[in-house]
Amino acid sequence: MKRLVTSFSLSFAWLFLTTYLLVMPAGNDSGKFRRWLEALGLDNYLKEFEADKLVHIGLFFILVALWCWGIAGLKLSYLNKFLFFIVIAQTWFLYGIAMEFVQEYLKNGRSFDVKDMIADGIGCTIALLISLLFLRKNERAVG
């Protein structure tokens, strides 16, 4: 029971943190980061690299993984857990798409970006696949 409370508490906390990060006003501190890269001589290598896509992948990977971890602790059949995992990944991917529309219409310095949606989907998919592998491994160990 304690594990379930912990896992779902972490899941909700991460959801709130993710939501905050996706809707907070865009900052103008990128100049500091750019100067730091220039000082290291890395600015030419990273011009085309969009680091925020890695942030999106990480946020949604953790979001899906935490919710799957919570569901894995429930006393459900393997098939039900499997289906829940898929629904969780789809739900958070749709949430990521919705948040892009929120960013577009919130007018807080953020903008709609299809690449962010793709990054969200990648994070969700990786977490889903890893969660399904762990579920399968645990079911074989128990069975």
N, C-alpha and C. Protein backbone atom coordinates (compact mmCIF):
# COMPACT_ATOMS: atom_id res chain seq x y z
N MET A 1 0.82 -1.20 0.00
CA MET A 1 0.00 0.00 0.00
C MET A 1 0.87 1.26 0.00
N LYS A 2 1.94 1.22 0.78
CA LYS A 2 2.83 2.38 0.86
C LYS A 2 3.47 2.65 -0.50
N ARG A 3 3.82 1.59 -1.22
CA ARG A 3 4.42 1.74 -2.55
C ARG A 3 3.44 2.40 -3.50
N LEU A 4 2.16 2.03 -3.43
CA LEU A 4 1.15 2.62 -4.30
C LEU A 4 0.97 4.11 -4.01
N VAL A 5 0.93 4.46 -2.74
CA VAL A 5 0.79 5.87 -2.37
C VAL A 5 2.00 6.66 -2.87
N THR A 6 3.17 6.10 -2.68
CA THR A 6 4.39 6.76 -3.14
C THR A 6 4.40 6.92 -4.65
N SER A 7 4.09 5.84 -5.36
CA SER A 7 4.17 5.89 -6.83
C SER A 7 3.15 6.86 -7.41
N PHE A 8 1.93 6.85 -6.90
CA PHE A 8 0.94 7.76 -7.45
C PHE A 8 1.18 9.20 -6.99
N SER A 9 1.74 9.39 -5.80
CA SER A 9 2.11 10.74 -5.35
C SER A 9 3.19 11.32 -6.27
N LEU A 10 4.19 10.51 -6.58
CA LEU A 10 5.23 10.95 -7.51
C LEU A 10 4.66 11.22 -8.90
N SER A 11 3.72 10.38 -9.33
CA SER A 11 3.10 10.56 -10.64
C SER A 11 2.37 11.89 -10.73
N PHE A 12 1.57 12.20 -9.71
CA PHE A 12 0.84 13.47 -9.71
C PHE A 12 1.78 14.65 -9.58
N ALA A 13 2.81 14.52 -8.74
CA ALA A 13 3.78 15.61 -8.58
C ALA A 13 4.48 15.89 -9.91
N TRP A 14 4.87 14.83 -10.63
CA TRP A 14 5.54 15.02 -11.92
C TRP A 14 4.59 15.63 -12.94
N LEU A 15 3.33 15.25 -12.90
CA LEU A 15 2.34 15.82 -13.80
C LEU A 15 2.22 17.33 -13.55
N PHE A 16 2.15 17.73 -12.29
CA PHE A 16 2.04 19.16 -11.98
C PHE A 16 3.30 19.91 -12.38
N LEU A 17 4.47 19.32 -12.14
CA LEU A 17 5.73 19.95 -12.55
C LEU A 17 5.79 20.09 -14.06
N THR A 18 5.42 19.04 -14.77
CA THR A 18 5.42 19.07 -16.24
C THR A 18 4.49 20.15 -16.75
N THR A 19 3.29 20.21 -16.18
CA THR A 19 2.33 21.23 -16.60
C THR A 19 2.89 22.63 -16.37
N TYR A 20 3.48 22.84 -15.21
CA TYR A 20 4.07 24.14 -14.91
C TYR A 20 5.16 24.50 -15.91
N LEU A 21 6.05 23.56 -16.19
CA LEU A 21 7.15 23.83 -17.11
C LEU A 21 6.65 24.12 -18.53
N LEU A 22 5.54 23.49 -18.90
CA LEU A 22 5.03 23.70 -20.26
C LEU A 22 4.25 24.99 -20.42
N VAL A 23 3.74 25.56 -19.33
CA VAL A 23 2.95 26.79 -19.45
C VAL A 23 3.63 28.02 -18.86
N MET A 24 4.75 27.84 -18.18
CA MET A 24 5.42 29.01 -17.60
C MET A 24 5.90 29.93 -18.72
N PRO A 25 5.94 31.22 -18.45
CA PRO A 25 6.39 32.15 -19.49
C PRO A 25 7.82 31.85 -19.94
N ALA A 26 8.05 32.03 -21.22
CA ALA A 26 9.38 31.79 -21.78
C ALA A 26 10.34 32.85 -21.26
N GLY A 27 11.50 32.41 -20.84
CA GLY A 27 12.51 33.34 -20.32
C GLY A 27 13.41 33.83 -21.42
N ASN A 28 14.12 34.88 -21.14
CA ASN A 28 15.07 35.45 -22.10
C ASN A 28 16.50 35.24 -21.63
N ASP A 29 16.77 34.16 -20.90
CA ASP A 29 18.10 33.89 -20.38
C ASP A 29 18.93 33.03 -21.33
N SER A 30 18.45 32.82 -22.54
CA SER A 30 19.21 31.99 -23.48
C SER A 30 20.53 32.64 -23.86
N GLY A 31 20.64 33.96 -23.68
CA GLY A 31 21.88 34.65 -23.99
C GLY A 31 23.02 34.19 -23.11
N LYS A 32 22.74 33.91 -21.85
CA LYS A 32 23.77 33.42 -20.92
C LYS A 32 24.27 32.06 -21.37
N PHE A 33 23.33 31.21 -21.74
CA PHE A 33 23.68 29.87 -22.19
C PHE A 33 24.51 29.95 -23.47
N ARG A 34 24.11 30.81 -24.39
CA ARG A 34 24.84 30.96 -25.66
C ARG A 34 26.26 31.46 -25.41
N ARG A 35 26.43 32.44 -24.50
CA ARG A 35 27.77 32.95 -24.18
C ARG A 35 28.64 31.86 -23.57
N TRP A 36 28.04 31.02 -22.75
CA TRP A 36 28.76 29.91 -22.14
C TRP A 36 29.24 28.93 -23.21
N LEU A 37 28.36 28.62 -24.18
CA LEU A 37 28.74 27.73 -25.28
C LEU A 37 29.85 28.35 -26.13
N GLU A 38 29.75 29.65 -26.37
CA GLU A 38 30.79 30.33 -27.15
C GLU A 38 32.13 30.27 -26.43
N ALA A 39 32.12 30.44 -25.11
CA ALA A 39 33.35 30.39 -24.33
C ALA A 39 33.99 29.01 -24.42
N LEU A 40 33.19 27.99 -24.53
CA LEU A 40 33.71 26.62 -24.65
C LEU A 40 34.01 26.23 -26.10
N GLY A 41 33.63 27.09 -27.03
CA GLY A 41 33.85 26.79 -28.44
C GLY A 41 32.87 25.77 -28.99
N LEU A 42 31.73 25.62 -28.36
CA LEU A 42 30.75 24.62 -28.78
C LEU A 42 29.59 25.20 -29.57
N ASP A 43 29.52 26.51 -29.69
CA ASP A 43 28.36 27.13 -30.31
C ASP A 43 28.17 26.71 -31.77
N ASN A 44 29.26 26.51 -32.50
CA ASN A 44 29.14 26.09 -33.90
C ASN A 44 28.58 24.67 -34.03
N TYR A 45 28.90 23.80 -33.08
CA TYR A 45 28.44 22.42 -33.14
C TYR A 45 26.98 22.29 -32.74
N LEU A 46 26.49 23.19 -31.91
CA LEU A 46 25.16 23.04 -31.36
C LEU A 46 24.13 24.01 -31.94
N LYS A 47 24.47 24.70 -33.02
CA LYS A 47 23.53 25.67 -33.58
C LYS A 47 22.23 25.01 -34.02
N GLU A 48 22.32 23.87 -34.65
CA GLU A 48 21.11 23.21 -35.14
C GLU A 48 20.48 22.28 -34.10
N PHE A 49 21.16 22.08 -33.01
CA PHE A 49 20.66 21.18 -31.97
C PHE A 49 19.61 21.87 -31.12
N GLU A 50 18.46 21.30 -31.01
CA GLU A 50 17.38 21.88 -30.22
C GLU A 50 17.28 21.13 -28.90
N ALA A 51 17.93 21.66 -27.87
CA ALA A 51 18.00 20.99 -26.58
C ALA A 51 16.64 20.84 -25.92
N ASP A 52 15.70 21.73 -26.24
CA ASP A 52 14.39 21.62 -25.60
C ASP A 52 13.66 20.35 -26.01
N LYS A 53 14.05 19.77 -27.14
CA LYS A 53 13.41 18.50 -27.54
C LYS A 53 13.81 17.38 -26.59
N LEU A 54 15.06 17.41 -26.12
CA LEU A 54 15.49 16.42 -25.12
C LEU A 54 14.73 16.61 -23.81
N VAL A 55 14.43 17.84 -23.48
CA VAL A 55 13.64 18.12 -22.27
C VAL A 55 12.24 17.52 -22.43
N HIS A 56 11.64 17.71 -23.59
CA HIS A 56 10.31 17.14 -23.84
C HIS A 56 10.35 15.61 -23.76
N ILE A 57 11.35 15.01 -24.37
CA ILE A 57 11.48 13.55 -24.31
C ILE A 57 11.59 13.10 -22.86
N GLY A 58 12.44 13.76 -22.09
CA GLY A 58 12.65 13.40 -20.69
C GLY A 58 11.41 13.59 -19.84
N LEU A 59 10.73 14.73 -20.01
CA LEU A 59 9.52 14.99 -19.22
C LEU A 59 8.46 13.92 -19.45
N PHE A 60 8.23 13.59 -20.71
CA PHE A 60 7.17 12.63 -21.03
C PHE A 60 7.60 11.19 -20.78
N PHE A 61 8.88 10.91 -20.90
CA PHE A 61 9.38 9.58 -20.52
C PHE A 61 9.09 9.33 -19.03
N ILE A 62 9.48 10.28 -18.19
CA ILE A 62 9.29 10.12 -16.75
C ILE A 62 7.80 10.08 -16.41
N LEU A 63 7.00 10.91 -17.07
CA LEU A 63 5.57 10.95 -16.80
C LEU A 63 4.94 9.58 -17.06
N VAL A 64 5.20 9.00 -18.20
CA VAL A 64 4.63 7.69 -18.54
C VAL A 64 5.21 6.61 -17.64
N ALA A 65 6.52 6.64 -17.41
CA ALA A 65 7.16 5.61 -16.58
C ALA A 65 6.59 5.61 -15.16
N LEU A 66 6.39 6.78 -14.58
CA LEU A 66 5.85 6.85 -13.22
C LEU A 66 4.43 6.31 -13.14
N TRP A 67 3.60 6.67 -14.12
CA TRP A 67 2.23 6.16 -14.10
C TRP A 67 2.20 4.65 -14.33
N CYS A 68 3.05 4.15 -15.20
CA CYS A 68 3.11 2.69 -15.42
C CYS A 68 3.61 1.99 -14.16
N TRP A 69 4.56 2.60 -13.47
CA TRP A 69 5.06 2.02 -12.22
C TRP A 69 3.93 1.92 -11.20
N GLY A 70 3.09 2.94 -11.14
CA GLY A 70 1.95 2.91 -10.23
C GLY A 70 0.98 1.80 -10.59
N ILE A 71 0.66 1.67 -11.86
CA ILE A 71 -0.26 0.63 -12.30
C ILE A 71 0.33 -0.76 -12.09
N ALA A 72 1.63 -0.89 -12.26
CA ALA A 72 2.29 -2.20 -12.08
C ALA A 72 2.11 -2.71 -10.66
N GLY A 73 1.94 -1.81 -9.70
CA GLY A 73 1.77 -2.21 -8.31
C GLY A 73 0.36 -2.66 -7.96
N LEU A 74 -0.58 -2.46 -8.87
CA LEU A 74 -1.96 -2.88 -8.61
C LEU A 74 -2.13 -4.37 -8.86
N LYS A 75 -3.08 -4.95 -8.19
CA LYS A 75 -3.36 -6.39 -8.38
C LYS A 75 -4.31 -6.55 -9.55
N LEU A 76 -3.73 -6.52 -10.73
CA LEU A 76 -4.47 -6.69 -11.97
C LEU A 76 -3.82 -7.80 -12.77
N SER A 77 -4.56 -8.33 -13.72
CA SER A 77 -3.98 -9.35 -14.59
C SER A 77 -2.93 -8.73 -15.50
N TYR A 78 -2.12 -9.58 -16.06
CA TYR A 78 -1.08 -9.13 -16.99
C TYR A 78 -1.71 -8.36 -18.15
N LEU A 79 -2.79 -8.89 -18.71
CA LEU A 79 -3.45 -8.26 -19.84
C LEU A 79 -3.98 -6.87 -19.47
N ASN A 80 -4.60 -6.75 -18.29
CA ASN A 80 -5.12 -5.45 -17.87
C ASN A 80 -3.99 -4.44 -17.67
N LYS A 81 -2.89 -4.87 -17.07
CA LYS A 81 -1.75 -3.96 -16.91
C LYS A 81 -1.21 -3.54 -18.26
N PHE A 82 -1.09 -4.51 -19.16
CA PHE A 82 -0.61 -4.24 -20.52
C PHE A 82 -1.47 -3.18 -21.20
N LEU A 83 -2.79 -3.36 -21.13
CA LEU A 83 -3.71 -2.40 -21.74
C LEU A 83 -3.65 -1.04 -21.06
N PHE A 84 -3.55 -1.04 -19.73
CA PHE A 84 -3.43 0.22 -18.99
C PHE A 84 -2.17 0.98 -19.42
N PHE A 85 -1.07 0.26 -19.59
CA PHE A 85 0.18 0.90 -20.00
C PHE A 85 0.00 1.60 -21.35
N ILE A 86 -0.66 0.94 -22.27
CA ILE A 86 -0.90 1.54 -23.60
C ILE A 86 -1.79 2.77 -23.48
N VAL A 87 -2.84 2.66 -22.67
CA VAL A 87 -3.74 3.81 -22.48
C VAL A 87 -3.00 4.97 -21.81
N ILE A 88 -2.14 4.67 -20.86
CA ILE A 88 -1.36 5.71 -20.18
C ILE A 88 -0.49 6.45 -21.20
N ALA A 89 0.23 5.71 -22.02
CA ALA A 89 1.12 6.34 -23.01
C ALA A 89 0.32 7.18 -24.00
N GLN A 90 -0.81 6.67 -24.45
CA GLN A 90 -1.64 7.43 -25.39
C GLN A 90 -2.21 8.69 -24.73
N THR A 91 -2.64 8.56 -23.49
CA THR A 91 -3.22 9.70 -22.77
C THR A 91 -2.20 10.82 -22.61
N TRP A 92 -0.99 10.48 -22.19
CA TRP A 92 0.01 11.53 -21.97
C TRP A 92 0.54 12.09 -23.28
N PHE A 93 0.52 11.30 -24.34
CA PHE A 93 0.88 11.84 -25.65
C PHE A 93 -0.17 12.86 -26.10
N LEU A 94 -1.45 12.53 -25.94
CA LEU A 94 -2.51 13.47 -26.27
C LEU A 94 -2.44 14.73 -25.39
N TYR A 95 -2.05 14.55 -24.14
CA TYR A 95 -1.84 15.68 -23.23
C TYR A 95 -0.74 16.59 -23.79
N GLY A 96 0.34 16.00 -24.28
CA GLY A 96 1.43 16.77 -24.87
C GLY A 96 0.97 17.56 -26.08
N ILE A 97 0.16 16.95 -26.91
CA ILE A 97 -0.40 17.66 -28.07
C ILE A 97 -1.28 18.82 -27.61
N ALA A 98 -2.13 18.55 -26.63
CA ALA A 98 -3.02 19.60 -26.11
C ALA A 98 -2.21 20.76 -25.52
N MET A 99 -1.12 20.44 -24.84
CA MET A 99 -0.31 21.50 -24.24
C MET A 99 0.34 22.39 -25.30
N GLU A 100 0.61 21.86 -26.47
CA GLU A 100 1.14 22.69 -27.55
C GLU A 100 0.10 23.72 -27.99
N PHE A 101 -1.17 23.31 -28.04
CA PHE A 101 -2.23 24.25 -28.38
C PHE A 101 -2.41 25.28 -27.26
N VAL A 102 -2.27 24.85 -26.02
CA VAL A 102 -2.34 25.78 -24.89
C VAL A 102 -1.23 26.82 -25.02
N GLN A 103 -0.02 26.37 -25.34
CA GLN A 103 1.10 27.30 -25.50
C GLN A 103 0.83 28.30 -26.62
N GLU A 104 0.19 27.85 -27.68
CA GLU A 104 -0.11 28.73 -28.81
C GLU A 104 -1.08 29.84 -28.41
N TYR A 105 -2.10 29.48 -27.64
CA TYR A 105 -3.16 30.45 -27.34
C TYR A 105 -2.97 31.17 -26.01
N LEU A 106 -2.02 30.74 -25.20
CA LEU A 106 -1.78 31.38 -23.90
C LEU A 106 -1.03 32.70 -24.05
N LYS A 107 -0.28 32.85 -25.13
CA LYS A 107 0.48 34.06 -25.41
C LYS A 107 1.43 34.42 -24.26
N ASN A 108 2.23 33.45 -23.86
CA ASN A 108 3.20 33.68 -22.78
C ASN A 108 4.65 33.59 -23.28
N GLY A 109 4.83 33.81 -24.56
CA GLY A 109 6.17 33.75 -25.12
C GLY A 109 6.54 32.37 -25.66
N ARG A 110 5.65 31.44 -25.51
CA ARG A 110 5.88 30.09 -26.05
C ARG A 110 5.07 29.94 -27.32
N SER A 111 5.45 28.98 -28.14
CA SER A 111 4.74 28.83 -29.41
C SER A 111 4.47 27.36 -29.71
N PHE A 112 3.53 27.17 -30.59
CA PHE A 112 3.13 25.85 -31.08
C PHE A 112 4.28 25.27 -31.89
N ASP A 113 4.66 24.02 -31.60
CA ASP A 113 5.77 23.40 -32.32
C ASP A 113 5.49 21.91 -32.50
N VAL A 114 5.35 21.50 -33.73
CA VAL A 114 5.08 20.08 -34.04
C VAL A 114 6.25 19.22 -33.58
N LYS A 115 7.47 19.75 -33.64
CA LYS A 115 8.64 18.97 -33.20
C LYS A 115 8.54 18.64 -31.71
N ASP A 116 7.94 19.54 -30.93
CA ASP A 116 7.73 19.24 -29.51
C ASP A 116 6.76 18.07 -29.35
N MET A 117 5.73 18.03 -30.18
CA MET A 117 4.77 16.92 -30.13
C MET A 117 5.47 15.60 -30.47
N ILE A 118 6.33 15.64 -31.45
CA ILE A 118 7.07 14.44 -31.84
C ILE A 118 7.97 14.00 -30.69
N ALA A 119 8.65 14.96 -30.06
CA ALA A 119 9.52 14.64 -28.92
C ALA A 119 8.70 14.06 -27.76
N ASP A 120 7.51 14.62 -27.51
CA ASP A 120 6.63 14.07 -26.47
C ASP A 120 6.28 12.62 -26.79
N GLY A 121 5.94 12.37 -28.05
CA GLY A 121 5.60 11.01 -28.48
C GLY A 121 6.76 10.04 -28.34
N ILE A 122 7.96 10.51 -28.64
CA ILE A 122 9.15 9.67 -28.49
C ILE A 122 9.35 9.30 -27.03
N GLY A 123 9.24 10.29 -26.14
CA GLY A 123 9.38 10.01 -24.70
C GLY A 123 8.34 9.03 -24.21
N CYS A 124 7.09 9.21 -24.63
CA CYS A 124 6.01 8.31 -24.24
C CYS A 124 6.27 6.89 -24.76
N THR A 125 6.70 6.79 -26.00
CA THR A 125 6.93 5.47 -26.62
C THR A 125 8.08 4.73 -25.95
N ILE A 126 9.17 5.42 -25.68
CA ILE A 126 10.31 4.77 -25.03
C ILE A 126 9.91 4.27 -23.64
N ALA A 127 9.20 5.11 -22.89
CA ALA A 127 8.76 4.70 -21.55
C ALA A 127 7.79 3.53 -21.63
N LEU A 128 6.90 3.55 -22.60
CA LEU A 128 5.95 2.44 -22.78
C LEU A 128 6.69 1.14 -23.07
N LEU A 129 7.63 1.19 -24.00
CA LEU A 129 8.36 -0.04 -24.36
C LEU A 129 9.16 -0.59 -23.19
N ILE A 130 9.83 0.30 -22.46
CA ILE A 130 10.61 -0.16 -21.30
C ILE A 130 9.68 -0.71 -20.22
N SER A 131 8.56 -0.04 -20.00
CA SER A 131 7.61 -0.50 -18.99
C SER A 131 7.03 -1.86 -19.37
N LEU A 132 6.72 -2.05 -20.64
CA LEU A 132 6.20 -3.34 -21.09
C LEU A 132 7.25 -4.44 -20.95
N LEU A 133 8.51 -4.11 -21.20
CA LEU A 133 9.58 -5.10 -21.02
C LEU A 133 9.69 -5.51 -19.54
N PHE A 134 9.64 -4.53 -18.64
CA PHE A 134 9.70 -4.85 -17.21
C PHE A 134 8.48 -5.64 -16.77
N LEU A 135 7.32 -5.30 -17.29
CA LEU A 135 6.10 -6.03 -16.95
C LEU A 135 6.21 -7.48 -17.40
N ARG A 136 6.68 -7.66 -18.61
CA ARG A 136 6.83 -9.02 -19.14
C ARG A 136 7.84 -9.82 -18.32
N LYS A 137 8.96 -9.17 -17.98
CA LYS A 137 9.99 -9.83 -17.19
C LYS A 137 9.45 -10.23 -15.80
N ASN A 138 8.72 -9.33 -15.17
CA ASN A 138 8.17 -9.62 -13.84
C ASN A 138 7.10 -10.70 -13.89
N GLU A 139 6.30 -10.72 -14.94
CA GLU A 139 5.26 -11.75 -15.08
C GLU A 139 5.90 -13.12 -15.30
N ARG A 140 6.99 -13.18 -16.04
CA ARG A 140 7.68 -14.46 -16.25
C ARG A 140 8.32 -14.95 -14.96
N ALA A 141 8.84 -14.00 -14.15
CA ALA A 141 9.48 -14.37 -12.88
C ALA A 141 8.45 -14.90 -11.89
N VAL A 142 7.27 -14.30 -11.91
CA VAL A 142 6.20 -14.72 -10.99
C VAL A 142 5.54 -15.99 -11.48
N GLY A 143 5.31 -16.07 -12.80
CA GLY A 143 4.56 -17.17 -13.40
C GLY A 143 5.34 -18.42 -13.43
